[in-house]
Amino acid sequence: MKKIGWSNALKRMRYLLLISAASVTCSAVAKPDPVAALHEKYKSLGEQLRQNQFKRPLVLDSTETSDRARGDIYVVLEYPFEVVKAGLNNPDHWCDVMILHINTKYCHAMVAPSGTSLRVNIGKKTQGELVDAERVDFNYSVTTTLPTYFEIMLHAKEGPLGTSDYLIQMEAVAIPKAKTFLHLTYSYTSNLAGRLALQTYLKTIGKGKVGFTVVGQQVDGQPDYVGGVRGLMERNTMRYYLAIDAFLGATSVAPALQLEKRLQDWFTSVERYQRQLHEVDREPYLEMKRAEYVRQQTVY
């Protein structure tokens, strides 16, 4: 009896071990592969990347819930993956990107044993003192880095004007013909005070501003673009993408010329979408950003 009982116990143990091993294997298989997922997204967007209103291989999407807004851009970059990775896998370079956005007044990367962070100040579309701009502290992390794929996340617990869980996330993968497919996400959560402030903005200064998604047709036959919070998200997501593109485009020139090329290229790109993105003329923008860049190099 004892031998039979011991034999049954061994059989049961082997069975449990097999079940456990199978569960581990299934979990490993079920874990999403970011490289495959982004390649699949690239394939699924093929026609939209070829034919769209942007006159470039770009797809923009936005969503809005009761307390969270999000913008996503998928785009084919005319740069090899190695160039994109070398340029954007660096917190200092992200400050060179961020400062191009018209609302970014300051950015400084800080590396500490506890991690890397970006101190960013966000303010008005005109020149002003740094103390008048809202400070946002982003945790900077390279969440994944592989030979043909990488992902970077900028996350802040608190954002400007009653926002929280402030996120700028970027992933990129190598694709054929020495190009790169990039996915950029920009999102945040708003509390009640933040939502009220945003509604006030949208009814006053932001009245009439629109995004890129076509939601209908006006009586004169012109497209009717999305407005409100989604329109705001689409405009800012596009501005961040254009900053990334301008930064990468300037890496091909001498270091002493890169700042001016980034500024000029960003403004030129923005003006292609005047209905959505025009805020100031070229010279005021350039004057403001040159001054802010100097401040960025001298104030810590």
Protein backbone atom coordinates (compact mmCIF):
# COMPACT_ATOMS: atom_id res chain seq x y z
CA MET A 1 0.00 0.00 0.00
CA LYS A 2 2.81 2.36 0.86
CA LYS A 3 4.48 1.71 -2.51
CA ILE A 4 1.24 2.37 -4.37
CA GLY A 5 0.66 5.57 -2.37
CA TRP A 6 4.20 6.81 -3.04
CA SER A 7 3.84 6.00 -6.74
CA ASN A 8 0.60 7.98 -6.91
CA ALA A 9 2.25 10.86 -5.12
CA LEU A 10 5.09 10.91 -7.66
CA LYS A 11 2.62 10.82 -10.54
CA ARG A 12 0.70 13.70 -9.02
CA MET A 13 3.88 15.70 -8.50
CA ARG A 14 4.97 15.12 -12.09
CA TYR A 15 1.52 16.21 -13.27
CA LEU A 16 1.66 19.41 -11.23
CA LEU A 17 5.14 20.17 -12.54
CA LEU A 18 3.97 19.69 -16.12
CA ILE A 19 0.98 21.98 -15.54
CA SER A 20 3.24 24.61 -13.95
CA ALA A 21 5.73 24.41 -16.83
CA ALA A 22 2.92 24.72 -19.35
CA SER A 23 1.57 27.78 -17.54
CA VAL A 24 4.99 29.43 -17.60
CA THR A 25 5.34 28.64 -21.31
CA CYS A 26 1.88 30.05 -22.08
CA SER A 27 2.66 33.20 -20.11
CA ALA A 28 5.87 33.67 -22.07
CA VAL A 29 4.05 33.17 -25.36
CA ALA A 30 1.20 35.47 -24.33
CA LYS A 31 3.53 38.33 -23.40
CA PRO A 32 3.24 40.94 -26.18
CA ASP A 33 6.26 41.45 -28.40
CA PRO A 34 6.66 45.22 -28.84
CA VAL A 35 8.66 44.83 -32.05
CA ALA A 36 6.07 42.58 -33.67
CA ALA A 37 3.21 44.75 -32.39
CA LEU A 38 4.64 47.95 -33.87
CA HIS A 39 5.44 46.21 -37.16
CA GLU A 40 1.86 44.96 -37.29
CA LYS A 41 0.57 48.49 -36.64
CA TYR A 42 2.76 49.76 -39.48
CA LYS A 43 1.28 47.20 -41.86
CA SER A 44 -2.31 47.87 -40.77
CA LEU A 45 -1.92 51.62 -41.40
CA GLY A 46 -0.44 51.16 -44.86
CA GLU A 47 -3.16 52.90 -46.88
CA GLN A 48 -3.62 55.72 -44.34
CA LEU A 49 0.12 56.38 -44.35
CA ARG A 50 0.06 56.62 -48.16
CA GLN A 51 -3.06 58.77 -48.50
CA ASN A 52 -3.85 61.48 -45.94
CA GLN A 53 -4.30 65.21 -45.41
CA PHE A 54 -0.79 65.71 -44.00
CA LYS A 55 1.07 65.16 -47.29
CA ARG A 56 3.46 62.87 -45.43
CA PRO A 57 3.27 59.27 -44.14
CA LEU A 58 1.51 60.19 -40.89
CA VAL A 59 -1.61 59.09 -39.04
CA LEU A 60 -2.99 61.05 -36.08
CA ASP A 61 -5.64 59.86 -33.64
CA SER A 62 -7.14 61.28 -30.45
CA THR A 63 -9.44 60.11 -27.68
CA GLU A 64 -11.22 61.79 -24.79
CA THR A 65 -12.87 60.28 -21.71
CA SER A 66 -14.41 61.96 -18.67
CA ASP A 67 -11.01 62.70 -17.13
CA ARG A 68 -8.31 61.73 -19.63
CA ALA A 69 -7.27 62.96 -23.06
CA ARG A 70 -4.79 61.34 -25.42
CA GLY A 71 -3.20 61.97 -28.79
CA ASP A 72 -1.31 59.40 -30.90
CA ILE A 73 0.84 59.89 -33.97
CA TYR A 74 2.17 57.09 -36.17
CA VAL A 75 4.68 58.23 -38.75
CA VAL A 76 7.37 56.95 -41.11
CA LEU A 77 10.60 58.88 -40.56
CA GLU A 78 13.05 59.34 -43.43
CA TYR A 79 15.95 58.52 -41.12
CA PRO A 80 17.68 55.18 -40.43
CA PHE A 81 16.81 53.59 -37.11
CA GLU A 82 20.39 54.05 -35.84
CA VAL A 83 20.11 57.82 -36.36
CA VAL A 84 16.77 58.01 -34.57
CA LYS A 85 17.96 55.91 -31.66
CA ALA A 86 21.24 57.82 -31.26
CA GLY A 87 19.40 61.13 -31.40
CA LEU A 88 16.48 60.42 -29.08
CA ASN A 89 17.98 57.96 -26.62
CA ASN A 90 19.50 60.86 -24.69
CA PRO A 91 17.79 63.11 -22.07
CA ASP A 92 19.77 66.20 -23.10
CA HIS A 93 18.59 65.78 -26.66
CA TRP A 94 15.02 65.60 -25.41
CA CYS A 95 15.45 69.09 -23.99
CA ASP A 96 16.59 70.22 -27.45
CA VAL A 97 13.35 68.71 -28.75
CA MET A 98 11.05 70.08 -26.04
CA ILE A 99 12.26 73.67 -26.24
CA LEU A 100 11.07 73.92 -29.85
CA HIS A 101 7.42 73.66 -28.74
CA ILE A 102 6.00 77.15 -28.52
CA ASN A 103 4.75 76.64 -24.94
CA THR A 104 7.99 75.18 -23.55
CA LYS A 105 9.95 77.88 -21.78
CA TYR A 106 12.77 75.83 -20.26
CA CYS A 107 14.09 72.26 -20.08
CA HIS A 108 17.00 70.82 -18.11
CA ALA A 109 18.03 67.16 -17.80
CA MET A 110 19.24 65.94 -14.41
CA VAL A 111 20.93 62.58 -13.89
CA ALA A 112 21.01 61.22 -10.33
CA PRO A 113 21.47 57.80 -8.68
CA SER A 114 17.70 57.67 -8.20
CA GLY A 115 17.10 58.15 -11.93
CA THR A 116 17.02 60.68 -14.74
CA SER A 117 14.52 63.53 -14.84
CA LEU A 118 13.66 66.51 -17.00
CA ARG A 119 12.69 69.79 -15.40
CA VAL A 120 10.36 71.48 -17.88
CA ASN A 121 8.60 74.83 -17.58
CA ILE A 122 5.45 75.36 -19.65
CA GLY A 123 3.99 78.80 -20.22
CA LYS A 124 2.48 81.26 -22.66
CA LYS A 125 3.22 81.55 -26.36
CA THR A 126 5.10 84.80 -25.79
CA GLN A 127 8.35 85.70 -24.03
CA GLY A 128 8.15 85.86 -20.26
CA GLU A 129 9.93 85.27 -17.00
CA LEU A 130 10.60 81.70 -15.94
CA VAL A 131 8.79 82.22 -12.63
CA ASP A 132 5.57 82.79 -14.58
CA ALA A 133 5.75 79.37 -16.25
CA GLU A 134 4.42 76.17 -14.67
CA ARG A 135 7.10 73.65 -13.71
CA VAL A 136 6.65 69.99 -14.63
CA ASP A 137 9.12 67.35 -13.46
CA PHE A 138 9.27 64.38 -15.81
CA ASN A 139 10.80 61.03 -14.91
CA TYR A 140 12.82 59.99 -17.97
CA SER A 141 13.20 56.28 -18.62
CA VAL A 142 14.30 54.06 -21.47
CA THR A 143 11.78 51.28 -20.93
CA THR A 144 12.98 49.01 -23.74
CA THR A 145 16.04 48.98 -25.97
CA LEU A 146 16.65 46.29 -28.58
CA PRO A 147 18.73 46.14 -31.78
CA THR A 148 15.80 47.31 -33.94
CA TYR A 149 13.42 48.82 -31.38
CA PHE A 150 13.42 51.20 -28.41
CA GLU A 151 10.89 52.92 -26.19
CA ILE A 152 11.24 56.05 -24.08
CA MET A 153 8.80 57.39 -21.50
CA LEU A 154 8.53 60.84 -19.93
CA HIS A 155 6.10 60.69 -17.03
CA ALA A 156 5.10 63.37 -14.53
CA LYS A 157 2.77 62.81 -11.59
CA GLU A 158 1.63 66.42 -11.72
CA GLY A 159 1.20 68.61 -14.78
CA PRO A 160 0.15 72.22 -15.41
CA LEU A 161 -3.35 73.58 -14.80
CA GLY A 162 -4.78 70.75 -12.73
CA THR A 163 -3.43 67.90 -14.84
CA SER A 164 -1.77 64.74 -13.57
CA ASP A 165 -0.34 61.47 -14.90
CA TYR A 166 1.25 63.56 -17.65
CA LEU A 167 2.81 61.26 -20.27
CA ILE A 168 4.94 61.62 -23.39
CA GLN A 169 5.79 58.17 -24.71
CA MET A 170 7.70 57.28 -27.86
CA GLU A 171 8.54 53.95 -29.47
CA ALA A 172 10.35 53.34 -32.74
CA VAL A 173 11.21 50.35 -34.89
CA ALA A 174 13.42 49.83 -37.92
CA ILE A 175 11.58 49.27 -41.21
CA PRO A 176 12.84 48.56 -44.75
CA LYS A 177 14.61 51.08 -46.99
CA ALA A 178 16.62 52.53 -44.07
CA LYS A 179 13.55 54.18 -42.50
CA THR A 180 11.98 54.21 -39.05
CA PHE A 181 8.38 53.81 -37.93
CA LEU A 182 7.65 55.94 -34.88
CA HIS A 183 4.69 56.02 -32.49
CA LEU A 184 4.29 59.07 -30.24
CA THR A 185 1.73 59.31 -27.44
CA TYR A 186 0.83 62.45 -25.50
CA SER A 187 -1.75 62.21 -22.71
CA TYR A 188 -2.80 63.44 -19.28
CA THR A 189 -5.56 63.24 -16.69
CA SER A 190 -7.45 66.35 -15.53
CA ASN A 191 -9.08 66.98 -12.17
CA LEU A 192 -12.26 69.04 -11.81
CA ALA A 193 -10.41 72.33 -11.46
CA GLY A 194 -8.31 71.51 -14.51
CA ARG A 195 -11.34 70.63 -16.60
CA LEU A 196 -13.07 73.88 -15.62
CA ALA A 197 -9.96 75.89 -16.50
CA LEU A 198 -9.71 74.10 -19.83
CA GLN A 199 -13.35 74.76 -20.65
CA THR A 200 -12.81 78.44 -19.89
CA TYR A 201 -9.82 78.49 -22.24
CA LEU A 202 -11.78 76.73 -24.99
CA LYS A 203 -14.60 79.29 -24.68
CA THR A 204 -12.28 82.32 -24.73
CA ILE A 205 -8.70 82.31 -26.05
CA GLY A 206 -9.06 78.84 -27.55
CA LYS A 207 -12.43 79.50 -29.17
CA GLY A 208 -12.45 78.48 -32.81
CA LYS A 209 -9.26 76.44 -32.58
CA VAL A 210 -9.46 73.01 -34.16
CA GLY A 211 -7.54 69.79 -34.54
CA PHE A 212 -6.94 67.62 -37.61
CA THR A 213 -9.62 64.94 -37.48
CA VAL A 214 -12.44 65.62 -39.93
CA VAL A 215 -15.79 65.10 -38.21
CA GLY A 216 -18.11 66.43 -40.93
CA GLN A 217 -18.58 68.97 -43.66
CA GLN A 218 -19.47 72.65 -43.46
CA VAL A 219 -22.20 74.21 -45.59
CA ASP A 220 -19.58 75.58 -48.00
CA GLY A 221 -18.16 72.10 -48.51
CA GLN A 222 -15.05 72.68 -46.42
CA PRO A 223 -14.07 70.03 -43.86
CA ASP A 224 -15.35 70.42 -40.31
CA TYR A 225 -12.49 69.65 -37.92
CA VAL A 226 -12.71 68.34 -34.39
CA GLY A 227 -12.54 71.02 -31.70
CA GLY A 228 -12.57 71.08 -27.91
CA VAL A 229 -10.23 68.90 -25.88
CA ARG A 230 -9.54 66.48 -28.72
CA GLY A 231 -8.58 69.36 -30.98
CA LEU A 232 -6.21 70.65 -28.30
CA MET A 233 -4.61 67.21 -27.89
CA GLU A 234 -4.12 66.84 -31.63
CA ARG A 235 -2.47 70.23 -31.95
CA ASN A 236 -0.01 69.58 -29.14
CA THR A 237 0.76 66.02 -30.21
CA MET A 238 1.55 67.34 -33.69
CA ARG A 239 3.77 70.08 -32.26
CA TYR A 240 5.79 67.51 -30.31
CA TYR A 241 6.16 65.28 -33.36
CA LEU A 242 7.29 68.21 -35.52
CA ALA A 243 9.86 69.03 -32.84
CA ILE A 244 11.21 65.47 -33.00
CA ASP A 245 11.40 65.66 -36.79
CA ALA A 246 13.13 69.06 -36.74
CA PHE A 247 15.67 67.80 -34.20
CA LEU A 248 16.51 64.72 -36.26
CA GLY A 249 16.76 66.77 -39.45
CA ALA A 250 19.36 69.05 -37.87
CA THR A 251 21.71 66.23 -36.83
CA SER A 252 23.15 66.23 -40.36
CA VAL A 253 24.65 69.73 -40.08
CA ALA A 254 27.54 71.09 -38.02
CA PRO A 255 26.79 71.44 -34.27
CA ALA A 256 27.10 75.23 -34.41
CA LEU A 257 24.31 75.36 -37.02
CA GLN A 258 21.92 72.87 -35.47
CA LEU A 259 19.93 75.17 -33.20
CA GLU A 260 19.05 77.63 -35.95
CA LYS A 261 18.14 74.82 -38.34
CA ARG A 262 15.89 73.21 -35.72
CA LEU A 263 14.09 76.48 -35.03
CA GLN A 264 13.63 77.37 -38.69
CA ASP A 265 12.51 73.86 -39.67
CA TRP A 266 10.03 73.56 -36.79
CA PHE A 267 8.37 76.85 -37.65
CA THR A 268 8.25 76.01 -41.36
CA SER A 269 6.61 72.66 -40.59
CA VAL A 270 4.07 74.24 -38.25
CA GLU A 271 3.06 76.79 -40.85
CA ARG A 272 2.12 74.02 -43.27
CA TYR A 273 -0.87 73.50 -41.00
CA GLN A 274 -1.82 77.12 -40.36
CA ARG A 275 -5.50 76.40 -39.70
CA GLN A 276 -4.53 74.31 -36.67
CA LEU A 277 -1.09 75.44 -35.54
CA HIS A 278 -0.40 79.06 -36.44
CA GLU A 279 0.11 81.20 -33.31
CA VAL A 280 2.82 83.78 -34.01
CA ASP A 281 4.89 85.00 -36.94
CA ARG A 282 8.34 83.60 -37.68
CA GLU A 283 10.52 86.40 -36.29
CA PRO A 284 8.79 86.66 -32.88
CA TYR A 285 9.03 82.88 -32.54
CA LEU A 286 12.72 82.83 -33.46
CA GLU A 287 13.56 85.74 -31.16
CA MET A 288 11.71 84.11 -28.25
CA LYS A 289 13.27 80.69 -28.75
CA ARG A 290 16.81 81.96 -29.18
CA ALA A 291 16.49 83.76 -25.85
CA GLU A 292 14.92 80.72 -24.17
CA TYR A 293 17.68 78.48 -25.48
CA VAL A 294 20.35 80.78 -24.01
CA ARG A 295 18.48 80.75 -20.67
CA GLN A 296 18.29 76.97 -20.87
CA GLN A 297 22.09 76.78 -21.07
CA THR A 298 22.72 79.12 -18.15
CA VAL A 299 19.94 78.59 -15.57
CA TYR A 300 19.82 75.39 -13.48
